[in-house]
N, C-alpha and C. Protein backbone atom coordinates (compact mmCIF):
# COMPACT_ATOMS: atom_id res chain seq x y z
N MET A 1 -3.99 8.55 -8.35
CA MET A 1 -3.64 9.57 -7.39
C MET A 1 -2.43 10.31 -7.91
N GLU A 2 -2.52 11.60 -7.94
CA GLU A 2 -1.47 12.39 -8.58
C GLU A 2 -0.19 12.51 -7.76
N ASN A 3 -0.30 12.76 -6.47
CA ASN A 3 0.90 13.05 -5.69
C ASN A 3 1.05 12.06 -4.54
N VAL A 4 1.63 10.92 -4.86
CA VAL A 4 1.73 9.83 -3.90
C VAL A 4 2.55 10.22 -2.68
N ASP A 5 3.57 11.05 -2.84
CA ASP A 5 4.42 11.40 -1.71
C ASP A 5 3.66 12.15 -0.62
N LEU A 6 2.54 12.77 -0.96
CA LEU A 6 1.72 13.42 0.05
C LEU A 6 0.84 12.43 0.79
N VAL A 7 0.68 11.25 0.24
CA VAL A 7 -0.18 10.23 0.83
C VAL A 7 0.59 9.37 1.83
N ILE A 8 1.72 8.85 1.41
CA ILE A 8 2.59 8.06 2.29
C ILE A 8 4.00 8.62 2.13
N SER A 9 4.50 9.23 3.18
CA SER A 9 5.83 9.82 3.10
C SER A 9 6.90 8.75 3.30
N LEU A 10 8.07 9.05 2.79
CA LEU A 10 9.21 8.15 2.97
C LEU A 10 9.52 7.98 4.46
N GLU A 11 9.35 9.05 5.23
CA GLU A 11 9.59 8.98 6.67
C GLU A 11 8.62 8.00 7.34
N GLU A 12 7.35 8.02 6.92
CA GLU A 12 6.37 7.08 7.48
C GLU A 12 6.73 5.63 7.13
N ILE A 13 7.17 5.43 5.90
CA ILE A 13 7.55 4.09 5.46
C ILE A 13 8.73 3.59 6.28
N LYS A 14 9.75 4.43 6.42
CA LYS A 14 10.94 4.03 7.18
C LYS A 14 10.60 3.76 8.64
N ALA A 15 9.72 4.56 9.21
CA ALA A 15 9.32 4.33 10.60
C ALA A 15 8.59 3.00 10.73
N HIS A 16 7.72 2.71 9.78
CA HIS A 16 6.98 1.45 9.80
C HIS A 16 7.93 0.25 9.69
N LEU A 17 8.97 0.39 8.88
CA LEU A 17 9.92 -0.70 8.65
C LEU A 17 11.08 -0.70 9.64
N ASN A 18 11.10 0.26 10.56
CA ASN A 18 12.21 0.41 11.51
C ASN A 18 13.55 0.60 10.80
N ILE A 19 13.53 1.42 9.76
CA ILE A 19 14.75 1.76 9.02
C ILE A 19 15.22 3.13 9.49
N MET A 20 16.49 3.25 9.79
CA MET A 20 17.04 4.54 10.22
C MET A 20 16.85 5.57 9.11
N GLU A 21 16.47 6.79 9.50
CA GLU A 21 16.20 7.84 8.51
C GLU A 21 17.42 8.17 7.67
N ASP A 22 18.62 8.05 8.24
CA ASP A 22 19.82 8.40 7.48
C ASP A 22 20.27 7.29 6.52
N PHE A 23 19.64 6.11 6.59
CA PHE A 23 19.92 5.04 5.63
C PHE A 23 19.09 5.31 4.38
N ASP A 24 19.77 5.68 3.29
CA ASP A 24 19.03 6.10 2.09
C ASP A 24 19.26 5.22 0.87
N LEU A 25 19.94 4.10 1.03
CA LEU A 25 20.23 3.24 -0.12
C LEU A 25 18.97 2.66 -0.76
N ASP A 26 17.93 2.45 0.01
CA ASP A 26 16.70 1.85 -0.51
C ASP A 26 15.57 2.86 -0.72
N ASP A 27 15.86 4.14 -0.63
CA ASP A 27 14.80 5.16 -0.74
C ASP A 27 14.02 5.06 -2.04
N ASP A 28 14.71 4.93 -3.17
CA ASP A 28 14.01 4.82 -4.46
C ASP A 28 13.13 3.58 -4.50
N LEU A 29 13.63 2.48 -4.00
CA LEU A 29 12.86 1.24 -3.96
C LEU A 29 11.62 1.40 -3.09
N LEU A 30 11.77 2.00 -1.93
CA LEU A 30 10.63 2.20 -1.03
C LEU A 30 9.58 3.12 -1.65
N GLU A 31 10.03 4.15 -2.37
CA GLU A 31 9.08 5.04 -3.04
C GLU A 31 8.33 4.31 -4.15
N ARG A 32 9.02 3.43 -4.87
CA ARG A 32 8.33 2.63 -5.91
C ARG A 32 7.32 1.69 -5.26
N TYR A 33 7.70 1.09 -4.14
CA TYR A 33 6.77 0.21 -3.42
C TYR A 33 5.55 0.99 -2.93
N ALA A 34 5.73 2.25 -2.55
CA ALA A 34 4.59 3.08 -2.13
C ALA A 34 3.61 3.26 -3.28
N VAL A 35 4.14 3.55 -4.47
CA VAL A 35 3.29 3.70 -5.65
C VAL A 35 2.54 2.40 -5.93
N VAL A 36 3.26 1.29 -5.89
CA VAL A 36 2.65 -0.02 -6.15
C VAL A 36 1.58 -0.32 -5.10
N SER A 37 1.86 -0.06 -3.84
CA SER A 37 0.88 -0.38 -2.79
C SER A 37 -0.41 0.41 -2.98
N ILE A 38 -0.29 1.65 -3.41
CA ILE A 38 -1.48 2.47 -3.66
C ILE A 38 -2.24 1.95 -4.87
N GLU A 39 -1.52 1.57 -5.92
CA GLU A 39 -2.19 1.00 -7.10
C GLU A 39 -2.93 -0.28 -6.74
N VAL A 40 -2.29 -1.15 -5.97
CA VAL A 40 -2.92 -2.42 -5.58
C VAL A 40 -4.14 -2.16 -4.70
N ALA A 41 -4.03 -1.22 -3.77
CA ALA A 41 -5.17 -0.90 -2.90
C ALA A 41 -6.34 -0.36 -3.72
N GLN A 42 -6.04 0.54 -4.65
CA GLN A 42 -7.11 1.11 -5.49
C GLN A 42 -7.78 0.03 -6.32
N ARG A 43 -7.01 -0.85 -6.89
CA ARG A 43 -7.59 -1.94 -7.69
C ARG A 43 -8.41 -2.89 -6.81
N HIS A 44 -7.91 -3.18 -5.63
CA HIS A 44 -8.64 -4.08 -4.73
C HIS A 44 -9.96 -3.45 -4.29
N ILE A 45 -9.91 -2.19 -3.93
CA ILE A 45 -11.11 -1.49 -3.46
C ILE A 45 -12.06 -1.17 -4.61
N GLY A 46 -11.48 -0.91 -5.79
CA GLY A 46 -12.31 -0.60 -6.95
C GLY A 46 -12.60 0.88 -7.10
N LYS A 47 -11.86 1.71 -6.37
CA LYS A 47 -12.02 3.16 -6.46
C LYS A 47 -10.64 3.81 -6.41
N THR A 48 -10.55 5.03 -6.93
CA THR A 48 -9.30 5.79 -6.82
C THR A 48 -9.37 6.68 -5.58
N PHE A 49 -8.22 7.09 -5.09
CA PHE A 49 -8.17 7.92 -3.89
C PHE A 49 -8.26 9.39 -4.26
N ALA A 50 -9.08 10.13 -3.52
CA ALA A 50 -9.29 11.55 -3.74
C ALA A 50 -9.72 12.19 -2.43
N GLU A 51 -9.79 13.52 -2.42
CA GLU A 51 -10.21 14.24 -1.21
C GLU A 51 -11.64 13.89 -0.80
N GLU A 52 -12.54 13.84 -1.77
CA GLU A 52 -13.96 13.62 -1.51
C GLU A 52 -14.39 12.24 -1.99
N GLU A 53 -15.35 11.65 -1.29
CA GLU A 53 -15.90 10.36 -1.72
C GLU A 53 -17.00 10.59 -2.75
N THR A 54 -16.89 9.86 -3.86
CA THR A 54 -17.91 9.88 -4.91
C THR A 54 -18.19 8.43 -5.29
N ALA A 55 -18.90 8.25 -6.38
CA ALA A 55 -19.18 6.89 -6.85
C ALA A 55 -17.91 6.16 -7.27
N THR A 56 -16.89 6.91 -7.69
CA THR A 56 -15.66 6.28 -8.19
C THR A 56 -14.41 6.62 -7.38
N THR A 57 -14.56 7.43 -6.33
CA THR A 57 -13.39 7.82 -5.52
C THR A 57 -13.68 7.60 -4.04
N ILE A 58 -12.60 7.55 -3.27
CA ILE A 58 -12.71 7.37 -1.82
C ILE A 58 -11.53 8.09 -1.17
N PRO A 59 -11.73 8.69 0.00
CA PRO A 59 -10.59 9.29 0.71
C PRO A 59 -9.57 8.22 1.12
N PHE A 60 -8.35 8.65 1.31
CA PHE A 60 -7.28 7.74 1.72
C PHE A 60 -7.34 7.61 3.25
N TYR A 61 -8.29 6.80 3.71
CA TYR A 61 -8.52 6.64 5.14
C TYR A 61 -7.30 6.03 5.84
N PRO A 62 -7.12 6.30 7.15
CA PRO A 62 -5.99 5.73 7.88
C PRO A 62 -5.91 4.21 7.79
N THR A 63 -7.05 3.54 7.78
CA THR A 63 -7.06 2.08 7.66
C THR A 63 -6.44 1.64 6.34
N ILE A 64 -6.75 2.36 5.27
CA ILE A 64 -6.17 2.05 3.96
C ILE A 64 -4.67 2.29 3.99
N LYS A 65 -4.26 3.39 4.63
CA LYS A 65 -2.84 3.72 4.72
C LYS A 65 -2.07 2.63 5.46
N VAL A 66 -2.63 2.14 6.56
CA VAL A 66 -1.97 1.06 7.32
C VAL A 66 -1.82 -0.17 6.44
N GLY A 67 -2.86 -0.50 5.67
CA GLY A 67 -2.77 -1.62 4.74
C GLY A 67 -1.67 -1.41 3.71
N CYS A 68 -1.55 -0.19 3.21
CA CYS A 68 -0.49 0.12 2.24
C CYS A 68 0.89 -0.01 2.88
N LEU A 69 1.04 0.48 4.09
CA LEU A 69 2.32 0.34 4.79
C LEU A 69 2.67 -1.13 5.01
N MET A 70 1.67 -1.93 5.35
CA MET A 70 1.91 -3.37 5.52
C MET A 70 2.27 -4.02 4.19
N TYR A 71 1.64 -3.57 3.10
CA TYR A 71 1.96 -4.12 1.79
C TYR A 71 3.38 -3.75 1.38
N ILE A 72 3.78 -2.51 1.66
CA ILE A 72 5.16 -2.08 1.38
C ILE A 72 6.13 -2.96 2.16
N ALA A 73 5.84 -3.22 3.43
CA ALA A 73 6.70 -4.09 4.25
C ALA A 73 6.76 -5.49 3.66
N HIS A 74 5.63 -5.99 3.19
CA HIS A 74 5.57 -7.31 2.56
C HIS A 74 6.47 -7.35 1.32
N LEU A 75 6.37 -6.33 0.47
CA LEU A 75 7.20 -6.28 -0.73
C LEU A 75 8.68 -6.15 -0.38
N TYR A 76 8.99 -5.32 0.60
CA TYR A 76 10.38 -5.07 0.98
C TYR A 76 11.01 -6.33 1.59
N THR A 77 10.26 -7.03 2.39
CA THR A 77 10.76 -8.25 3.03
C THR A 77 10.92 -9.39 2.03
N ASN A 78 10.06 -9.44 1.05
CA ASN A 78 10.05 -10.54 0.07
C ASN A 78 10.44 -10.06 -1.32
N ARG A 79 11.49 -9.25 -1.41
CA ARG A 79 11.84 -8.64 -2.69
C ARG A 79 12.69 -9.52 -3.60
N GLU A 80 13.14 -10.64 -3.11
CA GLU A 80 13.91 -11.55 -3.96
C GLU A 80 12.99 -12.37 -4.84
N ILE A 81 13.49 -12.85 -5.96
CA ILE A 81 12.69 -13.62 -6.91
C ILE A 81 12.25 -14.94 -6.32
N THR A 82 13.12 -15.59 -5.58
CA THR A 82 12.77 -16.90 -5.03
C THR A 82 12.71 -16.85 -3.52
N THR A 83 11.73 -17.56 -2.97
CA THR A 83 11.62 -17.73 -1.53
C THR A 83 11.21 -19.17 -1.26
N ASP A 84 11.21 -19.55 -0.02
CA ASP A 84 10.80 -20.90 0.35
C ASP A 84 9.29 -21.08 0.37
N ILE A 85 8.56 -19.96 0.37
CA ILE A 85 7.10 -20.05 0.42
C ILE A 85 6.47 -19.25 -0.71
N ASN A 86 5.21 -19.53 -1.01
CA ASN A 86 4.49 -18.84 -2.07
C ASN A 86 4.05 -17.46 -1.58
N GLN A 87 4.51 -16.41 -2.23
CA GLN A 87 4.19 -15.04 -1.84
C GLN A 87 3.47 -14.30 -2.97
N THR A 88 2.64 -14.98 -3.72
CA THR A 88 2.01 -14.36 -4.88
C THR A 88 0.70 -13.65 -4.58
N ILE A 89 0.17 -13.81 -3.38
CA ILE A 89 -1.10 -13.17 -3.06
C ILE A 89 -0.91 -12.12 -1.97
N VAL A 90 -1.85 -11.18 -1.93
CA VAL A 90 -1.82 -10.16 -0.88
C VAL A 90 -2.17 -10.84 0.44
N PRO A 91 -1.35 -10.67 1.47
CA PRO A 91 -1.64 -11.30 2.75
C PRO A 91 -3.03 -10.92 3.29
N MET A 92 -3.66 -11.85 3.97
CA MET A 92 -5.04 -11.69 4.44
C MET A 92 -5.21 -10.48 5.36
N THR A 93 -4.25 -10.19 6.21
CA THR A 93 -4.36 -9.04 7.11
C THR A 93 -4.51 -7.76 6.32
N ILE A 94 -3.74 -7.61 5.27
CA ILE A 94 -3.81 -6.42 4.43
C ILE A 94 -5.16 -6.36 3.73
N LYS A 95 -5.56 -7.48 3.14
CA LYS A 95 -6.86 -7.53 2.45
C LYS A 95 -8.00 -7.16 3.40
N SER A 96 -7.92 -7.63 4.63
CA SER A 96 -9.01 -7.35 5.57
C SER A 96 -9.11 -5.86 5.89
N LEU A 97 -8.00 -5.14 5.87
CA LEU A 97 -8.04 -3.69 6.09
C LEU A 97 -8.69 -2.97 4.92
N TRP A 98 -8.46 -3.45 3.71
CA TRP A 98 -9.01 -2.80 2.51
C TRP A 98 -10.42 -3.27 2.20
N GLU A 99 -10.74 -4.49 2.59
CA GLU A 99 -12.01 -5.12 2.20
C GLU A 99 -13.23 -4.30 2.63
N VAL A 100 -13.16 -3.64 3.76
CA VAL A 100 -14.32 -2.90 4.26
C VAL A 100 -14.72 -1.74 3.35
N TYR A 101 -13.82 -1.32 2.47
CA TYR A 101 -14.11 -0.20 1.57
C TYR A 101 -14.54 -0.65 0.18
N ARG A 102 -14.54 -1.95 -0.06
CA ARG A 102 -14.95 -2.47 -1.37
C ARG A 102 -16.45 -2.35 -1.53
N GLU A 103 -16.86 -2.04 -2.75
CA GLU A 103 -18.27 -2.03 -3.07
C GLU A 103 -18.71 -3.46 -3.33
N PRO A 104 -19.81 -3.89 -2.73
CA PRO A 104 -20.29 -5.24 -3.05
C PRO A 104 -20.71 -5.31 -4.51
N CYS A 105 -20.43 -6.42 -5.14
CA CYS A 105 -20.82 -6.57 -6.54
C CYS A 105 -21.30 -7.99 -6.79
N ILE A 106 -22.11 -8.12 -7.81
CA ILE A 106 -22.65 -9.41 -8.20
C ILE A 106 -22.10 -9.74 -9.57
N TYR A 107 -21.58 -10.95 -9.71
CA TYR A 107 -21.00 -11.36 -10.99
C TYR A 107 -21.96 -12.25 -11.73
């Protein structure tokens, strides 16, 4: 996706995280997390985001956006190297939002 800032705005991210708009110390970090969340969603779904749906692309549906916002929150909350719990997988709630857009495949 070429222009990520048009997909998930910094204002939307801050609203989702309950961060005051005038707090800007983490803006760069949040924007990087937005890029990462979109990359992870595209890889999970197996398609890239575009205006029109084709065999290899899919629109950035609101359900996908909510999953990305939740993934950004997950990364922001668990941004330290060490935690008391294993945080190496995408939480099930997020996966369930993206899963409906995956193409079934046989291995």
